C-alpha atoms as a PDB file:
ATOM      1  CA  MET A   1      64.074 122.165 145.236  1.00  0.00           C
ATOM      2  CA  PRO A   2      67.162 120.877 147.100  1.00  0.00           C
ATOM      3  CA  PHE A   3      70.575 122.385 146.442  1.00  0.00           C
ATOM      4  CA  LYS A   4      72.720 120.100 144.279  1.00  0.00           C
ATOM      5  CA  ARG A   5      76.395 120.019 145.142  1.00  0.00           C
ATOM      6  CA  VAL A   6      78.570 120.387 142.062  1.00  0.00           C
ATOM      7  CA  GLY A   7      82.039 119.896 143.504  1.00  0.00           C
ATOM      8  CA  LEU A   8      84.429 120.748 146.284  1.00  0.00           C
ATOM      9  CA  SER A   9      85.911 124.193 146.593  1.00  0.00           C
ATOM     10  CA  VAL A  10      88.866 125.024 148.777  1.00  0.00           C
ATOM     11  CA  PHE A  11      86.534 126.383 151.444  1.00  0.00           C
ATOM     12  CA  ASP A  12      83.973 123.538 151.441  1.00  0.00           C
ATOM     13  CA  SER A  13      84.096 120.748 153.960  1.00  0.00           C
ATOM     14  CA  PRO A  14      83.275 117.433 152.297  1.00  0.00           C
ATOM     15  CA  THR A  15      81.674 114.661 154.267  1.00  0.00           C
ATOM     16  CA  ARG A  16      82.512 110.996 154.085  1.00  0.00           C
ATOM     17  CA  GLU A  17      79.025 110.332 152.738  1.00  0.00           C
ATOM     18  CA  ASP A  18      79.615 112.727 149.825  1.00  0.00           C
ATOM     19  CA  PRO A  19      79.966 110.433 146.772  1.00  0.00           C
ATOM     20  CA  GLU A  20      81.462 113.250 144.681  1.00  0.00           C
ATOM     21  CA  MET A  21      84.336 114.300 146.938  1.00  0.00           C
ATOM     22  CA  LEU A  22      86.687 116.111 144.566  1.00  0.00           C
ATOM     23  CA  ILE A  23      90.141 117.483 145.392  1.00  0.00           C
ATOM     24  CA  PRO A  24      91.135 120.597 143.382  1.00  0.00           C
ATOM     25  CA  CYS A  25      94.353 121.534 141.639  1.00  0.00           C
ATOM     26  CA  LEU A  26      95.095 125.019 142.936  1.00  0.00           C
ATOM     27  CA  ALA A  27      96.754 126.040 139.646  1.00  0.00           C
ATOM     28  CA  CYS A  28      94.124 125.118 137.023  1.00  0.00           C
ATOM     29  CA  ASP A  29      91.027 124.524 139.231  1.00  0.00           C
ATOM     30  CA  SER A  30      90.557 120.999 137.846  1.00  0.00           C
ATOM     31  CA  ARG A  31      88.993 118.614 140.342  1.00  0.00           C
ATOM     32  CA  PHE A  32      89.985 115.008 140.943  1.00  0.00           C
ATOM     33  CA  ARG A  33      88.540 112.023 142.731  1.00  0.00           C
ATOM     34  CA  PRO A  34      90.821 110.739 145.514  1.00  0.00           C
ATOM     35  CA  ASP A  35      92.102 107.809 143.424  1.00  0.00           C
ATOM     36  CA  GLU A  36      93.142 110.196 140.621  1.00  0.00           C
ATOM     37  CA  PHE A  37      94.698 112.693 143.018  1.00  0.00           C
ATOM     38  CA  PHE A  38      96.667 110.258 145.182  1.00  0.00           C
ATOM     39  CA  GLY A  39      97.653 108.207 142.132  1.00  0.00           C
ATOM     40  CA  ALA A  40      99.524 111.274 140.836  1.00  0.00           C
ATOM     41  CA  CYS A  41     101.584 111.606 144.055  1.00  0.00           C
ATOM     42  CA  HIS A  42     105.267 110.746 143.789  1.00  0.00           C
ATOM     43  CA  ASP A  43     108.600 111.385 145.503  1.00  0.00           C
ATOM     44  CA  TYR A  44     108.091 111.325 149.253  1.00  0.00           C
ATOM     45  CA  ASN A  45     110.618 113.587 150.990  1.00  0.00           C
ATOM     46  CA  ARG A  46     110.864 112.075 154.470  1.00  0.00           C
ATOM     47  CA  GLY A  47     113.135 114.811 155.830  1.00  0.00           C
ATOM     48  CA  ARG A  48     110.595 117.553 155.134  1.00  0.00           C
ATOM     49  CA  ASP A  49     107.597 115.187 155.320  1.00  0.00           C
ATOM     50  CA  LEU A  50     106.350 116.290 151.884  1.00  0.00           C
ATOM     51  CA  VAL A  51     104.874 114.477 148.904  1.00  0.00           C
ATOM     52  CA  ALA A  52     105.331 115.795 145.367  1.00  0.00           C
ATOM     53  CA  TRP A  53     102.141 115.928 143.299  1.00  0.00           C
ATOM     54  CA  THR A  54     101.907 116.654 139.568  1.00  0.00           C
ATOM     55  CA  CYS A  55      98.534 117.648 138.134  1.00  0.00           C
ATOM     56  CA  PRO A  56      97.551 115.221 135.357  1.00  0.00           C
ATOM     57  CA  ARG A  57      95.808 118.038 133.435  1.00  0.00           C
ATOM     58  CA  CYS A  58      98.062 121.104 133.606  1.00  0.00           C
ATOM     59  CA  GLY A  59     101.373 119.526 134.685  1.00  0.00           C
ATOM     60  CA  ASN A  60     101.799 121.862 137.678  1.00  0.00           C
ATOM     61  CA  ARG A  61     103.967 120.336 140.419  1.00  0.00           C
ATOM     62  CA  ASP A  62     103.123 121.057 144.047  1.00  0.00           C
ATOM     63  CA  ASP A  63     104.563 119.893 147.331  1.00  0.00           C
ATOM     64  CA  VAL A  64     101.845 118.633 149.646  1.00  0.00           C
ATOM     65  CA  ARG A  65     101.986 117.787 153.332  1.00  0.00           C
ATOM     66  CA  ILE A  66      99.623 114.961 154.245  1.00  0.00           C
ATOM     67  CA  PHE A  67      97.912 115.544 157.594  1.00  0.00           C
ATOM     68  CA  PRO A  68      95.334 113.223 159.152  1.00  0.00           C
ATOM     69  CA  GLY A  69      92.089 114.362 157.532  1.00  0.00           C
ATOM     70  CA  GLU A  70      93.508 117.119 155.333  1.00  0.00           C
ATOM     71  CA  LEU A  71      96.034 118.110 152.679  1.00  0.00           C
ATOM     72  CA  GLY A  72      98.363 121.081 153.214  1.00  0.00           C
ATOM     73  CA  PHE A  73      99.561 123.024 150.165  1.00  0.00           C
ATOM     74  CA  GLY A  74     102.297 125.593 150.623  1.00  0.00           C
ATOM     75  CA  TYR A  75     105.878 126.614 149.988  1.00  0.00           C
ATOM     76  CA  VAL A  76     109.316 126.095 151.457  1.00  0.00           C
ATOM     77  CA  ARG A  77     110.258 129.351 153.156  1.00  0.00           C
ATOM     78  CA  ARG A  78     113.295 130.021 155.363  1.00  0.00           C
ATOM     79  CA  GLY A  79     114.165 126.346 155.597  1.00  0.00           C
ATOM     80  CA  ARG A  80     110.710 125.135 156.616  1.00  0.00           C
ATOM     81  CA  TYR A  81     107.459 124.315 154.876  1.00  0.00           C
ATOM     82  CA  ASP A  82     104.687 126.876 155.404  1.00  0.00           C
ATOM     83  CA  VAL A  83     101.190 125.574 154.712  1.00  0.00           C
ATOM     84  CA  GLN A  84      99.128 128.212 152.863  1.00  0.00           C
ATOM     85  CA  ASP A  85      95.980 126.269 151.913  1.00  0.00           C
ATOM     86  CA  ARG A  86      94.329 123.302 153.616  1.00  0.00           C
ATOM     87  CA  ILE A  87      91.872 120.973 151.931  1.00  0.00           C
ATOM     88  CA  ARG A  88      89.810 118.694 154.169  1.00  0.00           C
ATOM     89  CA  VAL A  89      89.635 115.020 153.211  1.00  0.00           C
ATOM     90  CA  PRO A  90      87.639 113.308 155.977  1.00  0.00           C
ATOM     91  CA  GLY A  91      88.716 109.781 156.813  1.00  0.00           C
ATOM     92  CA  MET A  92      92.210 110.162 155.349  1.00  0.00           C
ATOM     93  CA  ARG A  93      95.053 108.708 157.389  1.00  0.00           C
ATOM     94  CA  ARG A  94      98.789 108.426 156.889  1.00  0.00           C
ATOM     95  CA  ARG A  95     101.376 105.853 157.861  1.00  0.00           C
ATOM     96  CA  ARG A  96     105.004 106.868 157.765  1.00  0.00           C
ATOM     97  CA  HIS A  97     107.563 104.179 156.960  1.00  0.00           C
ATOM     98  CA  GLU A  98     111.315 104.350 156.520  1.00  0.00           C
ATOM     99  CA  LEU A  99     111.255 104.473 152.721  1.00  0.00           C
ATOM    100  CA  ARG A 100     107.644 105.357 151.892  1.00  0.00           C
ATOM    101  CA  LEU A 101     104.453 107.064 153.014  1.00  0.00           C
ATOM    102  CA  ASP A 102     101.141 105.199 152.942  1.00  0.00           C
ATOM    103  CA  ILE A 103      98.070 107.364 152.345  1.00  0.00           C
ATOM    104  CA  CYS A 104      94.884 105.608 153.476  1.00  0.00           C
ATOM    105  CA  LEU A 105      91.289 106.596 152.717  1.00  0.00           C
ATOM    106  CA  ASP A 106      88.603 104.131 153.749  1.00  0.00           C
ATOM    107  CA  GLU A 107      89.829 100.773 152.371  1.00  0.00           C
ATOM    108  CA  HIS A 108      92.179 102.250 149.730  1.00  0.00           C
ATOM    109  CA  VAL A 109      95.936 102.617 150.265  1.00  0.00           C
ATOM    110  CA  TRP A 110      98.355 104.577 148.067  1.00  0.00           C
ATOM    111  CA  ARG A 111     102.085 104.040 148.605  1.00  0.00           C
ATOM    112  CA  VAL A 112     104.415 106.928 147.811  1.00  0.00           C
ATOM    113  CA  ARG A 113     108.065 105.913 147.707  1.00  0.00           C
ATOM    114  CA  ALA A 114     110.884 108.110 148.945  1.00  0.00           C
ATOM    115  CA  ARG A 115     112.875 109.825 146.236  1.00  0.00           C
ATOM    116  CA  ASP A 116     116.440 108.930 145.259  1.00  0.00           C
ATOM    117  CA  LEU A 117     116.390 105.463 146.733  1.00  0.00           C
ATOM    118  CA  PRO A 118     119.599 103.493 146.282  1.00  0.00           C
ATOM    119  CA  GLY A 119     119.216 100.956 143.520  1.00  0.00           C
ATOM    120  CA  ASP A 120     115.931 102.247 142.079  1.00  0.00           C
ATOM    121  CA  GLY A 121     117.620 103.306 138.840  1.00  0.00           C
ATOM    122  CA  SER A 122     117.137 107.026 139.371  1.00  0.00           C
ATOM    123  CA  ARG A 123     120.809 107.689 140.013  1.00  0.00           C
ATOM    124  CA  PRO A 124     123.859 105.655 140.956  1.00  0.00           C
ATOM    125  CA  PHE A 125     124.356 105.324 144.678  1.00  0.00           C
ATOM    126  CA  ARG A 126     127.895 105.796 145.910  1.00  0.00           C
ATOM    127  CA  ARG A 127     128.938 106.592 149.402  1.00  0.00           C
ATOM    128  CA  THR A 128     131.774 109.075 149.220  1.00  0.00           C
ATOM    129  CA  PRO A 129     134.165 108.962 152.173  1.00  0.00           C
ATOM    130  CA  PHE A 130     134.779 112.264 153.937  1.00  0.00           C
ATOM    131  CA  TYR A 131     138.425 111.385 154.481  1.00  0.00           C
ATOM    132  CA  GLU A 132     141.236 110.270 152.234  1.00  0.00           C
ATOM    133  CA  ASP A 133     142.158 106.637 152.640  1.00  0.00           C
ATOM    134  CA  THR A 134     145.923 106.642 153.167  1.00  0.00           C
ATOM    135  CA  GLY A 135     146.522 103.019 154.041  1.00  0.00           C
ATOM    136  CA  PRO A 136     146.852 101.118 157.288  1.00  0.00           C
ATOM    137  CA  PHE A 137     145.674 102.751 160.467  1.00  0.00           C
ATOM    138  CA  ASP A 138     148.398 104.545 162.399  1.00  0.00           C
ATOM    139  CA  GLN A 139     147.876 104.438 166.164  1.00  0.00           C
ATOM    140  CA  THR A 140     149.173 107.974 166.715  1.00  0.00           C
ATOM    141  CA  GLY A 141     147.728 109.620 163.600  1.00  0.00           C
ATOM    142  CA  PRO A 142     149.144 113.070 162.797  1.00  0.00           C
ATOM    143  CA  PHE A 143     150.085 113.581 166.474  1.00  0.00           C
ATOM    144  CA  ASP A 144     153.057 112.166 168.343  1.00  0.00           C
ATOM    145  CA  ALA A 145     152.693 110.425 171.705  1.00  0.00           C
ATOM    146  CA  ALA A 146     152.807 113.756 173.589  1.00  0.00           C
ATOM    147  CA  GLY A 147     149.910 115.194 171.528  1.00  0.00           C
ATOM    148  CA  ALA A 148     151.999 117.683 169.512  1.00  0.00           C
ATOM    149  CA  ARG A 149     151.325 117.943 165.818  1.00  0.00           C
ATOM    150  CA  GLY A 150     153.957 116.015 163.943  1.00  0.00           C
END
């Protein structure tokens, strides 16, 4: 009697031919098809190259790094992201854009927008100047012609 595969554990390596490729939530052990998993991704942080993911079942929020062919779960430690667990997703690709990340698997594409975009309604965008505007530009500034502070 052949062994029937029930799902994907963290240590299994799924194949592209596997019709039941399931990606687990590491908090509640629920398993999701790729369309469910990537549909729950939000808030792409381009600076750290992370995608926020919220489990539809338990509500746990994880930061995930999308690598070609695998997902990296981990934590921010000492200013950098340390990957603790890797889940293989064969055939997965990523395309980085200025304001979004495209996650591609076979013919499907999921677009994850960058967080806090100006004009997306999440917060008002205002560029705050780092100097005080005092009026017309003075050629010498706070220094006289000889360079001494005035």
